[in-house]
Amino acid sequence: MCEANAYIYKNGQEELYLENVDILIPEGDKIFLRNLFGEQKTFEGKLKEISLLKHKIILEGKS
C-alpha cells in the first residue's frame, strides 16, 4: 500500500495529524484529507513537503 501519514510542521517539529492518508485534495487555502478508514479532516494552511519514499506528508499552518 502507498498511503502516507500527515504531519503538521510547527516550531521546528512534526506533529502527527492523520494516519494512513489515502486522498489529499488542495482547495484554496485548505487541504482536504481522508484516510483508509473514512476519517476526514480539513487543514487550513499549505502543503510544505511530500516524501513518497518515506510515506510522509508535511503540512504547515497559516502564518
PDB file of N, CA and C in Angstrom:
ATOM      1  N   MET A   1       0.830  -1.181   0.000  1.00  0.00           N
ATOM      2  CA  MET A   1       0.000   0.000   0.000  1.00  0.00           C
ATOM      3  C   MET A   1       0.875   1.245   0.000  1.00  0.00           C
ATOM      4  N   CYS A   2       0.342   2.332  -0.523  1.00  0.00           N
ATOM      5  CA  CYS A   2       1.134   3.548  -0.691  1.00  0.00           C
ATOM      6  C   CYS A   2       0.603   4.733   0.092  1.00  0.00           C
ATOM      7  N   GLU A   3      -0.232   4.511   1.101  1.00  0.00           N
ATOM      8  CA  GLU A   3      -0.734   5.635   1.863  1.00  0.00           C
ATOM      9  C   GLU A   3       0.372   6.214   2.748  1.00  0.00           C
ATOM     10  N   ALA A   4       0.158   7.438   3.188  1.00  0.00           N
ATOM     11  CA  ALA A   4       1.166   8.142   3.969  1.00  0.00           C
ATOM     12  C   ALA A   4       0.527   8.721   5.229  1.00  0.00           C
ATOM     13  N   ASN A   5       1.361   9.105   6.164  1.00  0.00           N
ATOM     14  CA  ASN A   5       0.899   9.803   7.353  1.00  0.00           C
ATOM     15  C   ASN A   5       1.097  11.300   7.140  1.00  0.00           C
ATOM     16  N   ALA A   6       0.148  12.105   7.633  1.00  0.00           N
ATOM     17  CA  ALA A   6       0.246  13.557   7.514  1.00  0.00           C
ATOM     18  C   ALA A   6       0.681  14.139   8.850  1.00  0.00           C
ATOM     19  N   TYR A   7       1.597  15.084   8.776  1.00  0.00           N
ATOM     20  CA  TYR A   7       2.137  15.743   9.955  1.00  0.00           C
ATOM     21  C   TYR A   7       2.001  17.249   9.800  1.00  0.00           C
ATOM     22  N   ILE A   8       1.843  17.948  10.922  1.00  0.00           N
ATOM     23  CA  ILE A   8       1.853  19.406  10.924  1.00  0.00           C
ATOM     24  C   ILE A   8       3.232  19.841  11.388  1.00  0.00           C
ATOM     25  N   TYR A   9       3.858  20.716  10.592  1.00  0.00           N
ATOM     26  CA  TYR A   9       5.168  21.263  10.938  1.00  0.00           C
ATOM     27  C   TYR A   9       4.941  22.523  11.764  1.00  0.00           C
ATOM     28  N   LYS A  10       5.412  22.488  13.029  1.00  0.00           N
ATOM     29  CA  LYS A  10       5.188  23.606  13.933  1.00  0.00           C
ATOM     30  C   LYS A  10       6.380  23.724  14.876  1.00  0.00           C
ATOM     31  N   ASN A  11       6.944  24.916  14.969  1.00  0.00           N
ATOM     32  CA  ASN A  11       8.078  25.173  15.867  1.00  0.00           C
ATOM     33  C   ASN A  11       9.240  24.221  15.634  1.00  0.00           C
ATOM     34  N   GLY A  12       9.509  23.906  14.373  1.00  0.00           N
ATOM     35  CA  GLY A  12      10.638  23.055  14.027  1.00  0.00           C
ATOM     36  C   GLY A  12      10.413  21.574  14.261  1.00  0.00           C
ATOM     37  N   GLN A  13       9.182  21.192  14.609  1.00  0.00           N
ATOM     38  CA  GLN A  13       8.885  19.781  14.865  1.00  0.00           C
ATOM     39  C   GLN A  13       7.671  19.341  14.060  1.00  0.00           C
ATOM     40  N   GLU A  14       7.551  18.038  13.889  1.00  0.00           N
ATOM     41  CA  GLU A  14       6.425  17.454  13.164  1.00  0.00           C
ATOM     42  C   GLU A  14       5.493  16.756  14.139  1.00  0.00           C
ATOM     43  N   GLU A  15       4.213  17.115  14.062  1.00  0.00           N
ATOM     44  CA  GLU A  15       3.196  16.531  14.935  1.00  0.00           C
ATOM     45  C   GLU A  15       2.213  15.744  14.073  1.00  0.00           C
ATOM     46  N   LEU A  16       1.970  14.491  14.429  1.00  0.00           N
ATOM     47  CA  LEU A  16       1.072  13.639  13.647  1.00  0.00           C
ATOM     48  C   LEU A  16      -0.325  14.260  13.578  1.00  0.00           C
ATOM     49  N   TYR A  17      -0.869  14.327  12.376  1.00  0.00           N
ATOM     50  CA  TYR A  17      -2.197  14.909  12.143  1.00  0.00           C
ATOM     51  C   TYR A  17      -3.206  13.845  11.734  1.00  0.00           C
ATOM     52  N   LEU A  18      -2.825  12.977  10.772  1.00  0.00           N
ATOM     53  CA  LEU A  18      -3.729  11.928  10.300  1.00  0.00           C
ATOM     54  C   LEU A  18      -2.912  10.775   9.726  1.00  0.00           C
ATOM     55  N   GLU A  19      -3.231   9.566  10.159  1.00  0.00           N
ATOM     56  CA  GLU A  19      -2.524   8.376   9.673  1.00  0.00           C
ATOM     57  C   GLU A  19      -3.221   7.780   8.457  1.00  0.00           C
ATOM     58  N   ASN A  20      -2.466   7.035   7.671  1.00  0.00           N
ATOM     59  CA  ASN A  20      -2.983   6.274   6.534  1.00  0.00           C
ATOM     60  C   ASN A  20      -3.792   7.117   5.547  1.00  0.00           C
ATOM     61  N   VAL A  21      -3.255   8.292   5.206  1.00  0.00           N
ATOM     62  CA  VAL A  21      -3.931   9.186   4.273  1.00  0.00           C
ATOM     63  C   VAL A  21      -3.969   8.540   2.896  1.00  0.00           C
ATOM     64  N   ASP A  22      -5.160   8.495   2.344  1.00  0.00           N
ATOM     65  CA  ASP A  22      -5.378   7.907   1.027  1.00  0.00           C
ATOM     66  C   ASP A  22      -5.641   8.981  -0.023  1.00  0.00           C
ATOM     67  N   ILE A  23      -6.330  10.068   0.398  1.00  0.00           N
ATOM     68  CA  ILE A  23      -6.692  11.140  -0.525  1.00  0.00           C
ATOM     69  C   ILE A  23      -6.306  12.485   0.081  1.00  0.00           C
ATOM     70  N   LEU A  24      -5.699  13.331  -0.740  1.00  0.00           N
ATOM     71  CA  LEU A  24      -5.341  14.696  -0.350  1.00  0.00           C
ATOM     72  C   LEU A  24      -5.768  15.616  -1.490  1.00  0.00           C
ATOM     73  N   ILE A  25      -6.626  16.590  -1.165  1.00  0.00           N
ATOM     74  CA  ILE A  25      -7.136  17.498  -2.188  1.00  0.00           C
ATOM     75  C   ILE A  25      -6.934  18.940  -1.720  1.00  0.00           C
ATOM     76  N   PRO A  26      -6.049  19.706  -2.389  1.00  0.00           N
ATOM     77  CA  PRO A  26      -5.909  21.122  -2.052  1.00  0.00           C
ATOM     78  C   PRO A  26      -7.132  21.895  -2.549  1.00  0.00           C
ATOM     79  N   GLU A  27      -7.686  22.751  -1.693  1.00  0.00           N
ATOM     80  CA  GLU A  27      -8.856  23.555  -2.036  1.00  0.00           C
ATOM     81  C   GLU A  27      -8.601  24.981  -1.569  1.00  0.00           C
ATOM     82  N   GLY A  28      -7.917  25.782  -2.377  1.00  0.00           N
ATOM     83  CA  GLY A  28      -7.576  27.149  -1.986  1.00  0.00           C
ATOM     84  C   GLY A  28      -6.564  27.134  -0.861  1.00  0.00           C
ATOM     85  N   ASP A  29      -6.927  27.746   0.285  1.00  0.00           N
ATOM     86  CA  ASP A  29      -6.012  27.769   1.425  1.00  0.00           C
ATOM     87  C   ASP A  29      -6.323  26.650   2.419  1.00  0.00           C
ATOM     88  N   LYS A  30      -7.077  25.648   1.974  1.00  0.00           N
ATOM     89  CA  LYS A  30      -7.402  24.488   2.807  1.00  0.00           C
ATOM     90  C   LYS A  30      -6.976  23.210   2.085  1.00  0.00           C
ATOM     91  N   ILE A  31      -6.743  22.180   2.880  1.00  0.00           N
ATOM     92  CA  ILE A  31      -6.362  20.881   2.324  1.00  0.00           C
ATOM     93  C   ILE A  31      -7.296  19.832   2.926  1.00  0.00           C
ATOM     94  N   PHE A  32      -8.000  19.127   2.073  1.00  0.00           N
ATOM     95  CA  PHE A  32      -8.911  18.061   2.489  1.00  0.00           C
ATOM     96  C   PHE A  32      -8.137  16.750   2.498  1.00  0.00           C
ATOM     97  N   LEU A  33      -8.228  16.007   3.603  1.00  0.00           N
ATOM     98  CA  LEU A  33      -7.558  14.704   3.716  1.00  0.00           C
ATOM     99  C   LEU A  33      -8.559  13.643   4.159  1.00  0.00           C
ATOM    100  N   ARG A  34      -8.424  12.455   3.624  1.00  0.00           N
ATOM    101  CA  ARG A  34      -9.244  11.319   4.043  1.00  0.00           C
ATOM    102  C   ARG A  34      -8.343  10.103   4.124  1.00  0.00           C
ATOM    103  N   ASN A  35      -8.538   9.282   5.147  1.00  0.00           N
ATOM    104  CA  ASN A  35      -7.697   8.089   5.267  1.00  0.00           C
ATOM    105  C   ASN A  35      -8.458   6.828   4.865  1.00  0.00           C
ATOM    106  N   LEU A  36      -7.782   5.711   4.948  1.00  0.00           N
ATOM    107  CA  LEU A  36      -8.350   4.419   4.530  1.00  0.00           C
ATOM    108  C   LEU A  36      -9.597   4.021   5.311  1.00  0.00           C
ATOM    109  N   PHE A  37      -9.738   4.567   6.519  1.00  0.00           N
ATOM    110  CA  PHE A  37     -10.844   4.179   7.389  1.00  0.00           C
ATOM    111  C   PHE A  37     -12.019   5.159   7.294  1.00  0.00           C
ATOM    112  N   GLY A  38     -11.931   6.109   6.357  1.00  0.00           N
ATOM    113  CA  GLY A  38     -13.018   7.057   6.146  1.00  0.00           C
ATOM    114  C   GLY A  38     -12.947   8.298   7.010  1.00  0.00           C
ATOM    115  N   GLU A  39     -11.945   8.394   7.893  1.00  0.00           N
ATOM    116  CA  GLU A  39     -11.786   9.592   8.712  1.00  0.00           C
ATOM    117  C   GLU A  39     -11.379  10.754   7.813  1.00  0.00           C
ATOM    118  N   GLN A  40     -12.030  11.903   8.004  1.00  0.00           N
ATOM    119  CA  GLN A  40     -11.772  13.060   7.156  1.00  0.00           C
ATOM    120  C   GLN A  40     -11.386  14.260   8.008  1.00  0.00           C
ATOM    121  N   LYS A  41     -10.450  15.044   7.496  1.00  0.00           N
ATOM    122  CA  LYS A  41     -10.035  16.272   8.165  1.00  0.00           C
ATOM    123  C   LYS A  41      -9.780  17.329   7.099  1.00  0.00           C
ATOM    124  N   THR A  42      -9.997  18.580   7.483  1.00  0.00           N
ATOM    125  CA  THR A  42      -9.669  19.708   6.617  1.00  0.00           C
ATOM    126  C   THR A  42      -8.673  20.581   7.364  1.00  0.00           C
ATOM    127  N   PHE A  43      -7.525  20.803   6.749  1.00  0.00           N
ATOM    128  CA  PHE A  43      -6.432  21.567   7.358  1.00  0.00           C
ATOM    129  C   PHE A  43      -6.351  22.938   6.700  1.00  0.00           C
ATOM    130  N   GLU A  44      -6.273  23.990   7.504  1.00  0.00           N
ATOM    131  CA  GLU A  44      -6.103  25.336   6.970  1.00  0.00           C
ATOM    132  C   GLU A  44      -4.622  25.670   6.953  1.00  0.00           C
ATOM    133  N   GLY A  45      -4.063  25.784   5.771  1.00  0.00           N
ATOM    134  CA  GLY A  45      -2.646  26.078   5.621  1.00  0.00           C
ATOM    135  C   GLY A  45      -2.173  25.639   4.249  1.00  0.00           C
ATOM    136  N   LYS A  46      -0.921  25.234   4.194  1.00  0.00           N
ATOM    137  CA  LYS A  46      -0.347  24.853   2.909  1.00  0.00           C
ATOM    138  C   LYS A  46       0.416  23.540   3.017  1.00  0.00           C
ATOM    139  N   LEU A  47       0.641  22.973   1.870  1.00  0.00           N
ATOM    140  CA  LEU A  47       1.436  21.762   1.757  1.00  0.00           C
ATOM    141  C   LEU A  47       2.905  22.173   1.739  1.00  0.00           C
ATOM    142  N   LYS A  48       3.666  21.694   2.710  1.00  0.00           N
ATOM    143  CA  LYS A  48       5.079  22.060   2.817  1.00  0.00           C
ATOM    144  C   LYS A  48       5.955  21.076   2.054  1.00  0.00           C
ATOM    145  N   GLU A  49       5.660  19.778   2.191  1.00  0.00           N
ATOM    146  CA  GLU A  49       6.532  18.756   1.592  1.00  0.00           C
ATOM    147  C   GLU A  49       5.798  17.423   1.523  1.00  0.00           C
ATOM    148  N   ILE A  50       6.109  16.644   0.492  1.00  0.00           N
ATOM    149  CA  ILE A  50       5.641  15.264   0.392  1.00  0.00           C
ATOM    150  C   ILE A  50       6.853  14.388   0.100  1.00  0.00           C
ATOM    151  N   SER A  51       7.037  13.354   0.902  1.00  0.00           N
ATOM    152  CA  SER A  51       8.101  12.390   0.651  1.00  0.00           C
ATOM    153  C   SER A  51       7.436  11.051   0.337  1.00  0.00           C
ATOM    154  N   LEU A  52       7.454  10.669  -0.910  1.00  0.00           N
ATOM    155  CA  LEU A  52       6.818   9.412  -1.308  1.00  0.00           C
ATOM    156  C   LEU A  52       7.600   8.211  -0.766  1.00  0.00           C
ATOM    157  N   LEU A  53       8.899   8.335  -0.711  1.00  0.00           N
ATOM    158  CA  LEU A  53       9.737   7.248  -0.214  1.00  0.00           C
ATOM    159  C   LEU A  53       9.502   6.994   1.276  1.00  0.00           C
ATOM    160  N   LYS A  54       9.318   8.079   2.038  1.00  0.00           N
ATOM    161  CA  LYS A  54       9.097   7.960   3.489  1.00  0.00           C
ATOM    162  C   LYS A  54       7.616   7.878   3.847  1.00  0.00           C
ATOM    163  N   HIS A  55       6.739   7.969   2.841  1.00  0.00           N
ATOM    164  CA  HIS A  55       5.282   7.929   3.057  1.00  0.00           C
ATOM    165  C   HIS A  55       4.863   9.008   4.051  1.00  0.00           C
ATOM    166  N   LYS A  56       5.299  10.235   3.786  1.00  0.00           N
ATOM    167  CA  LYS A  56       5.129  11.340   4.720  1.00  0.00           C
ATOM    168  C   LYS A  56       4.621  12.591   4.001  1.00  0.00           C
ATOM    169  N   ILE A  57       3.606  13.230   4.591  1.00  0.00           N
ATOM    170  CA  ILE A  57       3.058  14.487   4.094  1.00  0.00           C
ATOM    171  C   ILE A  57       3.267  15.515   5.210  1.00  0.00           C
ATOM    172  N   ILE A  58       3.888  16.639   4.857  1.00  0.00           N
ATOM    173  CA  ILE A  58       4.125  17.686   5.847  1.00  0.00           C
ATOM    174  C   ILE A  58       3.251  18.890   5.498  1.00  0.00           C
ATOM    175  N   LEU A  59       2.451  19.317   6.450  1.00  0.00           N
ATOM    176  CA  LEU A  59       1.563  20.462   6.291  1.00  0.00           C
ATOM    177  C   LEU A  59       2.062  21.609   7.170  1.00  0.00           C
ATOM    178  N   GLU A  60       1.798  22.829   6.748  1.00  0.00           N
ATOM    179  CA  GLU A  60       2.218  23.981   7.529  1.00  0.00           C
ATOM    180  C   GLU A  60       1.033  24.947   7.652  1.00  0.00           C
ATOM    181  N   GLY A  61       0.742  25.348   8.885  1.00  0.00           N
ATOM    182  CA  GLY A  61      -0.381  26.239   9.125  1.00  0.00           C
ATOM    183  C   GLY A  61      -0.144  27.637   8.603  1.00  0.00           C
ATOM    184  N   LYS A  62      -1.213  28.407   8.577  1.00  0.00           N
ATOM    185  CA  LYS A  62      -1.120  29.803   8.125  1.00  0.00           C
ATOM    186  C   LYS A  62      -0.244  30.568   9.108  1.00  0.00           C
ATOM    187  N   SER A  63       0.600  31.466   8.562  1.00  0.00           N
ATOM    188  CA  SER A  63       1.429  32.271   9.459  1.00  0.00           C
ATOM    189  C   SER A  63       0.888  33.655   9.626  1.00  0.00           C
TER     190      SER A  63
END
